[in-house]
Amino acid sequence: MRQKELEMLLQKIPPHPNPKVSLEQYQTPAGIAAEVLFTAYSQGDIEGKRVIDLGCGTGIFAIGAGLLGAKEVIGVDVDSDSLEVARSFASSLGVSEKVSFVQSGVSDFATASDTCIMNPPFGAQKGSRGADRLFVEKAIELAAVTYSLHMASTLDFLKKLVASLGGEADFAIFYDFPIKAQFHFHEKPRLDVRVVMLRYMQKA
């Protein structure tokens, strides 16, 4: 499967049906998701691997990993509405046998994996402050390699955090992440936010 084909399939996955401010539920654009997934695929971190997606939302990374040949994928999210959509589209895209979804808080999830691919909360809202750190800590605990999206301005902090947790930061890729108006405090119909995808790993 080519990257553009994957992007077209991922575009079929709808956003969160009932987004909650405290969970910062912003859908990862299909183009960014496809590029992150293909980056992981090219590094040998998807095909034949166990992959987890922490804070999976409606499942764009989890389903994409399944489409790219992961052996097993587990999407984890606390929100039942999003998981219902994720399960439905995993089935419609033919990957439900190897892609499953678990309703759980990230701190309570404990299944180890080869790879974690995630777009955690940015930690910008009052109810989610510090959530990005929790996700990074859990990813390093559970996964040999992680691909994670964050606010670009936090890159130096992220690298220091990864190192403090005994991990090792590898490479970073920057994106303009479009956020569409979906909450009362959004004043513009769309805002492009600079984000960074950081690859990091457990030290051997």
N, C-alpha and C. Protein backbone atom coordinates (compact mmCIF):
# COMPACT_ATOMS: atom_id res chain seq x y z
N MET A 1 0.83 -1.20 0.00
CA MET A 1 0.00 0.00 0.00
C MET A 1 0.87 1.26 0.00
N ARG A 2 0.51 2.21 -0.84
CA ARG A 2 1.24 3.47 -0.89
C ARG A 2 0.69 4.45 0.13
N GLN A 3 1.52 5.46 0.44
CA GLN A 3 1.13 6.43 1.46
C GLN A 3 -0.16 7.14 1.08
N LYS A 4 -0.31 7.51 -0.18
CA LYS A 4 -1.51 8.23 -0.61
C LYS A 4 -2.75 7.34 -0.49
N GLU A 5 -2.59 6.05 -0.78
CA GLU A 5 -3.72 5.13 -0.63
C GLU A 5 -4.13 5.02 0.83
N LEU A 6 -3.14 4.94 1.72
CA LEU A 6 -3.43 4.90 3.15
C LEU A 6 -4.15 6.17 3.59
N GLU A 7 -3.68 7.31 3.15
CA GLU A 7 -4.30 8.58 3.50
C GLU A 7 -5.76 8.61 3.08
N MET A 8 -6.05 8.12 1.89
CA MET A 8 -7.44 8.12 1.40
C MET A 8 -8.33 7.24 2.26
N LEU A 9 -7.80 6.10 2.72
CA LEU A 9 -8.57 5.22 3.60
C LEU A 9 -8.79 5.88 4.96
N LEU A 10 -7.76 6.51 5.48
CA LEU A 10 -7.86 7.13 6.80
C LEU A 10 -8.80 8.33 6.79
N GLN A 11 -8.97 8.96 5.63
CA GLN A 11 -9.90 10.09 5.53
C GLN A 11 -11.35 9.67 5.79
N LYS A 12 -11.61 8.38 5.69
CA LYS A 12 -12.97 7.88 5.92
C LYS A 12 -13.33 7.82 7.40
N ILE A 13 -12.30 7.85 8.25
CA ILE A 13 -12.54 7.75 9.69
C ILE A 13 -13.02 9.10 10.21
N PRO A 14 -14.19 9.16 10.81
CA PRO A 14 -14.73 10.46 11.26
C PRO A 14 -14.04 10.94 12.54
N PRO A 15 -14.17 12.22 12.83
CA PRO A 15 -13.61 12.76 14.09
C PRO A 15 -14.45 12.31 15.28
N HIS A 16 -14.04 12.75 16.44
CA HIS A 16 -14.76 12.42 17.67
C HIS A 16 -16.22 12.88 17.55
N PRO A 17 -17.18 11.99 17.84
CA PRO A 17 -18.59 12.36 17.69
C PRO A 17 -19.08 13.38 18.70
N ASN A 18 -18.43 13.40 19.88
CA ASN A 18 -18.84 14.31 20.94
C ASN A 18 -17.59 14.80 21.66
N PRO A 19 -16.79 15.65 21.00
CA PRO A 19 -15.49 16.04 21.57
C PRO A 19 -15.61 16.74 22.91
N LYS A 20 -14.70 16.40 23.80
CA LYS A 20 -14.70 16.95 25.15
C LYS A 20 -13.48 17.84 25.35
N VAL A 21 -13.68 19.05 25.85
CA VAL A 21 -12.60 20.01 26.03
C VAL A 21 -11.50 19.44 26.91
N SER A 22 -11.87 18.81 28.01
CA SER A 22 -10.88 18.34 28.98
C SER A 22 -9.97 17.26 28.42
N LEU A 23 -10.44 16.54 27.38
CA LEU A 23 -9.64 15.48 26.77
C LEU A 23 -8.88 15.96 25.54
N GLU A 24 -9.08 17.22 25.15
CA GLU A 24 -8.42 17.78 23.97
C GLU A 24 -8.55 16.86 22.76
N GLN A 25 -9.78 16.53 22.41
CA GLN A 25 -10.02 15.56 21.36
C GLN A 25 -10.04 16.22 19.98
N TYR A 26 -8.85 16.36 19.42
CA TYR A 26 -8.70 16.91 18.07
C TYR A 26 -8.25 15.78 17.15
N GLN A 27 -8.97 15.60 16.05
CA GLN A 27 -8.65 14.53 15.12
C GLN A 27 -7.33 14.80 14.40
N THR A 28 -6.44 13.81 14.38
CA THR A 28 -5.21 13.92 13.61
C THR A 28 -5.57 13.89 12.12
N PRO A 29 -5.16 14.89 11.33
CA PRO A 29 -5.47 14.88 9.90
C PRO A 29 -4.92 13.63 9.22
N ALA A 30 -5.67 13.12 8.25
CA ALA A 30 -5.29 11.88 7.58
C ALA A 30 -3.91 11.98 6.93
N GLY A 31 -3.58 13.15 6.36
CA GLY A 31 -2.29 13.31 5.72
C GLY A 31 -1.13 13.20 6.69
N ILE A 32 -1.27 13.83 7.87
CA ILE A 32 -0.22 13.73 8.89
C ILE A 32 -0.15 12.32 9.44
N ALA A 33 -1.31 11.72 9.71
CA ALA A 33 -1.33 10.35 10.24
C ALA A 33 -0.66 9.39 9.27
N ALA A 34 -0.97 9.51 7.98
CA ALA A 34 -0.38 8.61 6.99
C ALA A 34 1.14 8.78 6.93
N GLU A 35 1.62 10.02 7.02
CA GLU A 35 3.07 10.25 6.95
C GLU A 35 3.76 9.70 8.19
N VAL A 36 3.18 9.91 9.37
CA VAL A 36 3.77 9.36 10.60
C VAL A 36 3.80 7.83 10.52
N LEU A 37 2.71 7.24 10.08
CA LEU A 37 2.63 5.79 9.98
C LEU A 37 3.65 5.24 8.97
N PHE A 38 3.79 5.90 7.84
CA PHE A 38 4.75 5.43 6.86
C PHE A 38 6.18 5.63 7.32
N THR A 39 6.42 6.67 8.11
CA THR A 39 7.74 6.85 8.71
C THR A 39 8.06 5.68 9.62
N ALA A 40 7.10 5.30 10.46
CA ALA A 40 7.30 4.16 11.35
C ALA A 40 7.46 2.86 10.56
N TYR A 41 6.67 2.72 9.52
CA TYR A 41 6.74 1.53 8.67
C TYR A 41 8.12 1.41 8.02
N SER A 42 8.65 2.53 7.53
CA SER A 42 9.95 2.51 6.85
C SER A 42 11.10 2.19 7.81
N GLN A 43 10.87 2.43 9.11
CA GLN A 43 11.87 2.12 10.13
C GLN A 43 11.75 0.67 10.64
N GLY A 44 10.81 -0.06 10.07
CA GLY A 44 10.60 -1.45 10.49
C GLY A 44 9.84 -1.59 11.79
N ASP A 45 9.06 -0.55 12.15
CA ASP A 45 8.40 -0.53 13.45
C ASP A 45 6.91 -0.86 13.42
N ILE A 46 6.39 -1.30 12.26
CA ILE A 46 4.97 -1.64 12.19
C ILE A 46 4.74 -3.07 11.70
N GLU A 47 5.24 -3.41 10.54
CA GLU A 47 4.93 -4.71 9.95
C GLU A 47 5.39 -5.85 10.86
N GLY A 48 4.43 -6.73 11.21
CA GLY A 48 4.73 -7.86 12.06
C GLY A 48 4.93 -7.53 13.53
N LYS A 49 4.64 -6.30 13.93
CA LYS A 49 4.88 -5.84 15.30
C LYS A 49 3.58 -5.71 16.08
N ARG A 50 3.72 -5.70 17.42
CA ARG A 50 2.60 -5.32 18.27
C ARG A 50 2.67 -3.81 18.47
N VAL A 51 1.59 -3.12 18.13
CA VAL A 51 1.55 -1.65 18.16
C VAL A 51 0.45 -1.21 19.12
N ILE A 52 0.73 -0.17 19.92
CA ILE A 52 -0.31 0.43 20.75
C ILE A 52 -0.48 1.90 20.36
N ASP A 53 -1.70 2.38 20.53
CA ASP A 53 -2.05 3.79 20.29
C ASP A 53 -2.72 4.30 21.55
N LEU A 54 -1.97 5.07 22.34
CA LEU A 54 -2.49 5.58 23.61
C LEU A 54 -3.28 6.87 23.36
N GLY A 55 -4.51 6.93 23.87
CA GLY A 55 -5.37 8.06 23.57
C GLY A 55 -5.80 8.02 22.12
N CYS A 56 -6.29 6.86 21.69
CA CYS A 56 -6.48 6.58 20.26
C CYS A 56 -7.62 7.34 19.61
N GLY A 57 -8.56 7.89 20.41
CA GLY A 57 -9.68 8.58 19.80
C GLY A 57 -10.48 7.65 18.92
N THR A 58 -10.76 8.07 17.70
CA THR A 58 -11.54 7.24 16.77
C THR A 58 -10.66 6.28 15.98
N GLY A 59 -9.38 6.16 16.37
CA GLY A 59 -8.57 5.04 15.91
C GLY A 59 -7.72 5.24 14.67
N ILE A 60 -7.42 6.47 14.30
CA ILE A 60 -6.74 6.69 13.03
C ILE A 60 -5.35 6.04 12.98
N PHE A 61 -4.57 6.13 14.06
CA PHE A 61 -3.25 5.49 14.07
C PHE A 61 -3.37 3.98 14.22
N ALA A 62 -4.25 3.53 15.10
CA ALA A 62 -4.42 2.10 15.32
C ALA A 62 -4.88 1.39 14.04
N ILE A 63 -5.89 1.93 13.39
CA ILE A 63 -6.41 1.32 12.16
C ILE A 63 -5.35 1.39 11.06
N GLY A 64 -4.65 2.53 10.97
CA GLY A 64 -3.60 2.66 9.97
C GLY A 64 -2.49 1.64 10.16
N ALA A 65 -2.10 1.39 11.40
CA ALA A 65 -1.07 0.39 11.68
C ALA A 65 -1.54 -1.00 11.26
N GLY A 66 -2.82 -1.27 11.49
CA GLY A 66 -3.37 -2.54 11.05
C GLY A 66 -3.33 -2.69 9.55
N LEU A 67 -3.64 -1.63 8.84
CA LEU A 67 -3.61 -1.65 7.37
C LEU A 67 -2.20 -1.85 6.83
N LEU A 68 -1.19 -1.43 7.60
CA LEU A 68 0.21 -1.55 7.16
C LEU A 68 0.88 -2.84 7.63
N GLY A 69 0.08 -3.76 8.16
CA GLY A 69 0.62 -5.09 8.42
C GLY A 69 1.09 -5.38 9.83
N ALA A 70 0.67 -4.57 10.81
CA ALA A 70 1.00 -4.89 12.20
C ALA A 70 0.42 -6.25 12.58
N LYS A 71 1.12 -6.97 13.42
CA LYS A 71 0.64 -8.28 13.88
C LYS A 71 -0.55 -8.13 14.81
N GLU A 72 -0.48 -7.16 15.68
CA GLU A 72 -1.54 -6.89 16.64
C GLU A 72 -1.51 -5.40 16.99
N VAL A 73 -2.69 -4.80 17.11
CA VAL A 73 -2.78 -3.39 17.46
C VAL A 73 -3.81 -3.23 18.58
N ILE A 74 -3.46 -2.42 19.58
CA ILE A 74 -4.41 -2.11 20.65
C ILE A 74 -4.53 -0.59 20.76
N GLY A 75 -5.74 -0.09 20.57
CA GLY A 75 -6.03 1.32 20.77
C GLY A 75 -6.63 1.51 22.15
N VAL A 76 -6.14 2.50 22.87
CA VAL A 76 -6.57 2.73 24.25
C VAL A 76 -7.15 4.13 24.38
N ASP A 77 -8.35 4.23 24.94
CA ASP A 77 -8.94 5.55 25.16
C ASP A 77 -9.95 5.45 26.29
N VAL A 78 -10.12 6.56 26.98
CA VAL A 78 -11.05 6.59 28.10
C VAL A 78 -12.47 6.88 27.64
N ASP A 79 -12.64 7.34 26.40
CA ASP A 79 -13.93 7.83 25.91
C ASP A 79 -14.67 6.76 25.10
N SER A 80 -15.80 6.32 25.60
CA SER A 80 -16.56 5.24 24.96
C SER A 80 -17.15 5.66 23.62
N ASP A 81 -17.53 6.93 23.46
CA ASP A 81 -18.10 7.39 22.19
C ASP A 81 -17.08 7.24 21.06
N SER A 82 -15.86 7.64 21.31
CA SER A 82 -14.81 7.54 20.30
C SER A 82 -14.50 6.08 19.97
N LEU A 83 -14.46 5.23 20.98
CA LEU A 83 -14.13 3.82 20.76
C LEU A 83 -15.20 3.12 19.94
N GLU A 84 -16.45 3.53 20.10
CA GLU A 84 -17.53 2.94 19.31
C GLU A 84 -17.30 3.22 17.82
N VAL A 85 -16.90 4.45 17.50
CA VAL A 85 -16.59 4.80 16.12
C VAL A 85 -15.37 4.02 15.64
N ALA A 86 -14.35 3.94 16.47
CA ALA A 86 -13.11 3.24 16.09
C ALA A 86 -13.39 1.78 15.75
N ARG A 87 -14.15 1.11 16.59
CA ARG A 87 -14.45 -0.31 16.34
C ARG A 87 -15.22 -0.49 15.04
N SER A 88 -16.17 0.42 14.80
CA SER A 88 -16.98 0.33 13.59
C SER A 88 -16.11 0.46 12.33
N PHE A 89 -15.18 1.41 12.35
CA PHE A 89 -14.37 1.64 11.14
C PHE A 89 -13.25 0.63 11.01
N ALA A 90 -12.76 0.06 12.10
CA ALA A 90 -11.80 -1.04 12.00
C ALA A 90 -12.46 -2.22 11.29
N SER A 91 -13.73 -2.44 11.61
CA SER A 91 -14.47 -3.52 10.95
C SER A 91 -14.71 -3.23 9.48
N SER A 92 -15.13 -2.00 9.18
CA SER A 92 -15.46 -1.66 7.79
C SER A 92 -14.21 -1.63 6.90
N LEU A 93 -13.04 -1.39 7.50
CA LEU A 93 -11.79 -1.38 6.73
C LEU A 93 -11.07 -2.72 6.78
N GLY A 94 -11.70 -3.72 7.39
CA GLY A 94 -11.21 -5.09 7.32
C GLY A 94 -10.04 -5.43 8.22
N VAL A 95 -9.88 -4.69 9.33
CA VAL A 95 -8.74 -4.98 10.21
C VAL A 95 -9.17 -5.32 11.65
N SER A 96 -10.45 -5.57 11.85
CA SER A 96 -10.95 -5.76 13.22
C SER A 96 -10.40 -7.03 13.88
N GLU A 97 -9.93 -8.00 13.08
CA GLU A 97 -9.39 -9.23 13.67
C GLU A 97 -8.07 -8.99 14.39
N LYS A 98 -7.32 -7.97 13.97
CA LYS A 98 -6.03 -7.73 14.62
C LYS A 98 -5.95 -6.37 15.31
N VAL A 99 -6.97 -5.55 15.14
CA VAL A 99 -7.01 -4.24 15.80
C VAL A 99 -8.15 -4.25 16.82
N SER A 100 -7.79 -4.12 18.08
CA SER A 100 -8.80 -4.08 19.14
C SER A 100 -8.70 -2.77 19.91
N PHE A 101 -9.76 -2.46 20.64
CA PHE A 101 -9.82 -1.19 21.37
C PHE A 101 -10.23 -1.45 22.81
N VAL A 102 -9.54 -0.77 23.72
CA VAL A 102 -9.75 -0.96 25.16
C VAL A 102 -10.13 0.37 25.78
N GLN A 103 -11.22 0.37 26.55
CA GLN A 103 -11.58 1.58 27.28
C GLN A 103 -10.83 1.58 28.61
N SER A 104 -9.90 2.51 28.73
CA SER A 104 -9.05 2.56 29.92
C SER A 104 -8.36 3.90 29.99
N GLY A 105 -8.09 4.35 31.20
CA GLY A 105 -7.18 5.47 31.35
C GLY A 105 -5.77 5.01 31.02
N VAL A 106 -4.96 5.90 30.49
CA VAL A 106 -3.61 5.52 30.09
C VAL A 106 -2.80 4.99 31.28
N SER A 107 -2.95 5.60 32.44
CA SER A 107 -2.18 5.19 33.61
C SER A 107 -2.50 3.76 34.05
N ASP A 108 -3.68 3.25 33.69
CA ASP A 108 -4.09 1.91 34.09
C ASP A 108 -3.75 0.84 33.06
N PHE A 109 -3.28 1.24 31.89
CA PHE A 109 -2.99 0.28 30.82
C PHE A 109 -1.58 -0.27 31.01
N ALA A 110 -1.41 -1.59 30.81
CA ALA A 110 -0.12 -2.19 31.16
C ALA A 110 0.39 -3.23 30.17
N THR A 111 -0.09 -3.19 28.92
CA THR A 111 0.34 -4.18 27.93
C THR A 111 1.56 -3.68 27.16
N ALA A 112 2.66 -4.40 27.26
CA ALA A 112 3.89 -4.01 26.57
C ALA A 112 3.75 -4.20 25.07
N SER A 113 4.54 -3.45 24.30
CA SER A 113 4.46 -3.52 22.85
C SER A 113 5.81 -3.24 22.22
N ASP A 114 5.88 -3.50 20.92
CA ASP A 114 7.08 -3.13 20.16
C ASP A 114 7.09 -1.64 19.88
N THR A 115 5.91 -1.10 19.53
CA THR A 115 5.82 0.28 19.02
C THR A 115 4.59 0.98 19.59
N CYS A 116 4.76 2.24 19.93
CA CYS A 116 3.63 3.10 20.29
C CYS A 116 3.57 4.25 19.30
N ILE A 117 2.40 4.50 18.74
CA ILE A 117 2.18 5.65 17.85
C ILE A 117 1.00 6.41 18.43
N MET A 118 1.18 7.70 18.74
CA MET A 118 0.11 8.39 19.46
C MET A 118 0.13 9.90 19.22
N ASN A 119 -1.04 10.47 19.40
CA ASN A 119 -1.21 11.92 19.42
C ASN A 119 -1.86 12.26 20.75
N PRO A 120 -1.05 12.38 21.82
CA PRO A 120 -1.62 12.62 23.15
C PRO A 120 -2.14 14.05 23.28
N PRO A 121 -2.91 14.33 24.34
CA PRO A 121 -3.32 15.72 24.58
C PRO A 121 -2.10 16.63 24.67
N PHE A 122 -2.23 17.83 24.14
CA PHE A 122 -1.10 18.77 24.17
C PHE A 122 -0.89 19.35 25.56
N GLY A 123 -1.87 19.19 26.44
CA GLY A 123 -1.75 19.72 27.79
C GLY A 123 -2.01 21.21 27.87
N ALA A 124 -2.77 21.74 26.90
CA ALA A 124 -3.00 23.19 26.83
C ALA A 124 -4.21 23.64 27.64
N GLN A 125 -5.16 22.72 27.87
CA GLN A 125 -6.37 23.10 28.58
C GLN A 125 -6.26 22.77 30.08
N LYS A 126 -7.03 23.48 30.89
CA LYS A 126 -6.94 23.33 32.35
C LYS A 126 -7.12 21.87 32.77
N GLY A 127 -8.07 21.18 32.16
CA GLY A 127 -8.34 19.80 32.55
C GLY A 127 -7.32 18.79 32.08
N SER A 128 -6.41 19.22 31.21
CA SER A 128 -5.45 18.26 30.65
C SER A 128 -4.00 18.64 30.92
N ARG A 129 -3.77 19.61 31.80
CA ARG A 129 -2.41 20.05 32.09
C ARG A 129 -1.58 18.87 32.60
N GLY A 130 -0.42 18.69 31.99
CA GLY A 130 0.46 17.60 32.40
C GLY A 130 0.14 16.26 31.77
N ALA A 131 -0.95 16.19 30.99
CA ALA A 131 -1.35 14.92 30.39
C ALA A 131 -0.31 14.43 29.39
N ASP A 132 0.32 15.35 28.67
CA ASP A 132 1.32 14.94 27.69
C ASP A 132 2.46 14.20 28.37
N ARG A 133 2.88 14.66 29.54
CA ARG A 133 3.95 13.99 30.29
C ARG A 133 3.55 12.58 30.68
N LEU A 134 2.31 12.42 31.16
CA LEU A 134 1.82 11.09 31.54
C LEU A 134 1.88 10.12 30.37
N PHE A 135 1.51 10.58 29.18
CA PHE A 135 1.52 9.73 28.00
C PHE A 135 2.95 9.32 27.63
N VAL A 136 3.87 10.26 27.69
CA VAL A 136 5.27 9.96 27.38
C VAL A 136 5.83 8.94 28.37
N GLU A 137 5.54 9.14 29.64
CA GLU A 137 6.02 8.22 30.67
C GLU A 137 5.50 6.80 30.41
N LYS A 138 4.22 6.69 30.09
CA LYS A 138 3.63 5.38 29.84
C LYS A 138 4.18 4.76 28.55
N ALA A 139 4.38 5.57 27.53
CA ALA A 139 4.92 5.05 26.26
C ALA A 139 6.31 4.46 26.47
N ILE A 140 7.17 5.15 27.19
CA ILE A 140 8.52 4.65 27.43
C ILE A 140 8.48 3.39 28.30
N GLU A 141 7.53 3.34 29.21
CA GLU A 141 7.39 2.15 30.06
C GLU A 141 6.99 0.92 29.24
N LEU A 142 6.10 1.11 28.26
CA LEU A 142 5.49 -0.02 27.57
C LEU A 142 6.08 -0.37 26.21
N ALA A 143 6.63 0.61 25.48
CA ALA A 143 7.01 0.39 24.09
C ALA A 143 8.50 0.55 23.87
N ALA A 144 9.05 -0.31 23.02
CA ALA A 144 10.46 -0.20 22.67
C ALA A 144 10.75 1.07 21.89
N VAL A 145 9.79 1.45 21.01
CA VAL A 145 9.94 2.65 20.17
C VAL A 145 8.62 3.40 20.17
N THR A 146 8.69 4.72 20.21
CA THR A 146 7.48 5.54 20.21
C THR A 146 7.58 6.64 19.16
N TYR A 147 6.45 6.90 18.49
CA TYR A 147 6.27 8.04 17.60
C TYR A 147 5.14 8.86 18.20
N SER A 148 5.42 10.12 18.58
CA SER A 148 4.47 10.89 19.37
C SER A 148 4.40 12.33 18.88
N LEU A 149 3.17 12.85 18.76
CA LEU A 149 2.94 14.22 18.31
C LEU A 149 2.78 15.16 19.50
N HIS A 150 3.46 16.32 19.44
CA HIS A 150 3.41 17.29 20.53
C HIS A 150 3.51 18.71 19.96
N MET A 151 3.22 19.69 20.80
CA MET A 151 3.45 21.08 20.40
C MET A 151 4.94 21.26 20.11
N ALA A 152 5.25 21.90 18.99
CA ALA A 152 6.64 22.08 18.58
C ALA A 152 7.46 22.83 19.63
N SER A 153 6.80 23.74 20.33
CA SER A 153 7.50 24.56 21.33
C SER A 153 8.00 23.74 22.52
N THR A 154 7.51 22.51 22.65
CA THR A 154 7.90 21.68 23.80
C THR A 154 9.01 20.68 23.46
N LEU A 155 9.60 20.78 22.27
CA LEU A 155 10.57 19.76 21.84
C LEU A 155 11.74 19.62 22.80
N ASP A 156 12.34 20.72 23.21
CA ASP A 156 13.48 20.63 24.13
C ASP A 156 13.07 19.97 25.45
N PHE A 157 11.91 20.37 25.96
CA PHE A 157 11.39 19.76 27.19
C PHE A 157 11.18 18.26 26.99
N LEU A 158 10.62 17.88 25.84
CA LEU A 158 10.36 16.47 25.57
C LEU A 158 11.64 15.65 25.56
N LYS A 159 12.66 16.18 24.90
CA LYS A 159 13.93 15.46 24.84
C LYS A 159 14.51 15.25 26.24
N LYS A 160 14.43 16.29 27.07
CA LYS A 160 14.93 16.18 28.45
C LYS A 160 14.09 15.18 29.25
N LEU A 161 12.76 15.21 29.03
CA LEU A 161 11.87 14.28 29.72
C LEU A 161 12.19 12.85 29.33
N VAL A 162 12.32 12.61 28.05
CA VAL A 162 12.65 11.26 27.57
C VAL A 162 13.96 10.77 28.20
N ALA A 163 14.97 11.63 28.21
CA ALA A 163 16.27 11.26 28.80
C ALA A 163 16.13 10.98 30.30
N SER A 164 15.33 11.79 31.00
CA SER A 164 15.16 11.61 32.44
C SER A 164 14.45 10.30 32.77
N LEU A 165 13.69 9.77 31.80
CA LEU A 165 12.96 8.51 31.99
C LEU A 165 13.77 7.31 31.52
N GLY A 166 15.02 7.56 31.15
CA GLY A 166 15.88 6.48 30.70
C GLY A 166 15.73 6.14 29.24
N GLY A 167 15.08 7.04 28.48
CA GLY A 167 14.90 6.82 27.06
C GLY A 167 15.91 7.61 26.24
N GLU A 168 15.77 7.50 24.93
CA GLU A 168 16.69 8.18 24.02
C GLU A 168 15.90 8.76 22.85
N ALA A 169 15.97 10.07 22.66
CA ALA A 169 15.29 10.72 21.54
C ALA A 169 16.06 10.50 20.26
N ASP A 170 15.34 10.27 19.17
CA ASP A 170 15.97 10.03 17.88
C ASP A 170 15.73 11.24 16.98
N PHE A 171 14.85 11.16 16.01
CA PHE A 171 14.64 12.26 15.08
C PHE A 171 13.27 12.90 15.26
N ALA A 172 13.14 14.11 14.73
CA ALA A 172 11.89 14.86 14.84
C ALA A 172 11.46 15.35 13.46
N ILE A 173 10.15 15.40 13.23
CA ILE A 173 9.57 15.92 11.99
C ILE A 173 8.48 16.92 12.38
N PHE A 174 8.47 18.09 11.73
CA PHE A 174 7.52 19.15 12.07
C PHE A 174 6.36 19.18 11.08
N TYR A 175 5.18 19.55 11.61
CA TYR A 175 3.97 19.65 10.79
C TYR A 175 3.17 20.89 11.21
N ASP A 176 2.36 21.39 10.28
CA ASP A 176 1.33 22.37 10.60
C ASP A 176 0.03 21.60 10.78
N PHE A 177 -0.47 21.59 12.00
CA PHE A 177 -1.62 20.78 12.39
C PHE A 177 -2.86 21.67 12.40
N PRO A 178 -3.80 21.45 11.49
CA PRO A 178 -5.01 22.30 11.46
C PRO A 178 -6.01 21.89 12.53
N ILE A 179 -6.43 22.85 13.34
CA ILE A 179 -7.46 22.61 14.34
C ILE A 179 -8.70 23.40 13.94
N LYS A 180 -9.77 22.68 13.66
CA LYS A 180 -11.03 23.32 13.28
C LYS A 180 -11.80 23.74 14.53
N ALA A 181 -12.56 24.81 14.39
CA ALA A 181 -13.36 25.32 15.51
C ALA A 181 -14.39 24.27 15.92
N GLN A 182 -14.30 23.82 17.17
CA GLN A 182 -15.29 22.86 17.67
C GLN A 182 -15.69 23.12 19.12
N PHE A 183 -15.04 24.11 19.75
CA PHE A 183 -15.40 24.47 21.12
C PHE A 183 -15.75 25.95 21.18
N HIS A 184 -16.43 26.36 22.24
CA HIS A 184 -16.94 27.73 22.34
C HIS A 184 -15.84 28.79 22.34
N PHE A 185 -14.64 28.43 22.78
CA PHE A 185 -13.56 29.42 22.88
C PHE A 185 -12.78 29.57 21.58
N HIS A 186 -13.09 28.79 20.57
CA HIS A 186 -12.43 28.92 19.27
C HIS A 186 -13.00 30.12 18.52
N GLU A 187 -12.16 31.09 18.24
CA GLU A 187 -12.62 32.33 17.60
C GLU A 187 -12.49 32.29 16.09
N LYS A 188 -11.64 31.40 15.56
CA LYS A 188 -11.45 31.29 14.11
C LYS A 188 -11.95 29.93 13.63
N PRO A 189 -12.41 29.87 12.38
CA PRO A 189 -12.89 28.58 11.87
C PRO A 189 -11.80 27.53 11.78
N ARG A 190 -10.53 27.96 11.70
CA ARG A 190 -9.41 27.03 11.63
C ARG A 190 -8.15 27.73 12.12
N LEU A 191 -7.35 26.98 12.86
CA LEU A 191 -6.08 27.49 13.35
C LEU A 191 -5.00 26.44 13.09
N ASP A 192 -3.92 26.84 12.42
CA ASP A 192 -2.81 25.92 12.17
C ASP A 192 -1.81 26.02 13.32
N VAL A 193 -1.58 24.90 13.97
CA VAL A 193 -0.68 24.83 15.12
C VAL A 193 0.57 24.04 14.71
N ARG A 194 1.74 24.59 15.04
CA ARG A 194 2.99 23.91 14.72
C ARG A 194 3.22 22.77 15.71
N VAL A 195 3.33 21.55 15.20
CA VAL A 195 3.56 20.40 16.06
C VAL A 195 4.81 19.66 15.61
N VAL A 196 5.26 18.76 16.46
CA VAL A 196 6.44 17.97 16.14
C VAL A 196 6.14 16.50 16.44
N MET A 197 6.59 15.64 15.54
CA MET A 197 6.56 14.21 15.79
C MET A 197 7.96 13.80 16.23
N LEU A 198 8.06 13.29 17.44
CA LEU A 198 9.35 12.86 17.96
C LEU A 198 9.38 11.33 18.04
N ARG A 199 10.45 10.76 17.50
CA ARG A 199 10.69 9.32 17.66
C ARG A 199 11.66 9.14 18.82
N TYR A 200 11.28 8.32 19.78
CA TYR A 200 12.18 8.03 20.89
C TYR A 200 12.04 6.56 21.29
N MET A 201 12.99 6.07 22.05
CA MET A 201 13.04 4.64 22.32
C MET A 201 13.59 4.36 23.71
N GLN A 202 13.29 3.16 24.18
CA GLN A 202 13.91 2.68 25.39
C GLN A 202 15.39 2.41 25.11
N LYS A 203 16.24 2.72 26.07
CA LYS A 203 17.66 2.40 25.90
C LYS A 203 17.85 0.90 26.12
N ALA A 204 18.69 0.31 25.30
CA ALA A 204 18.94 -1.13 25.40
C ALA A 204 19.63 -1.46 26.73
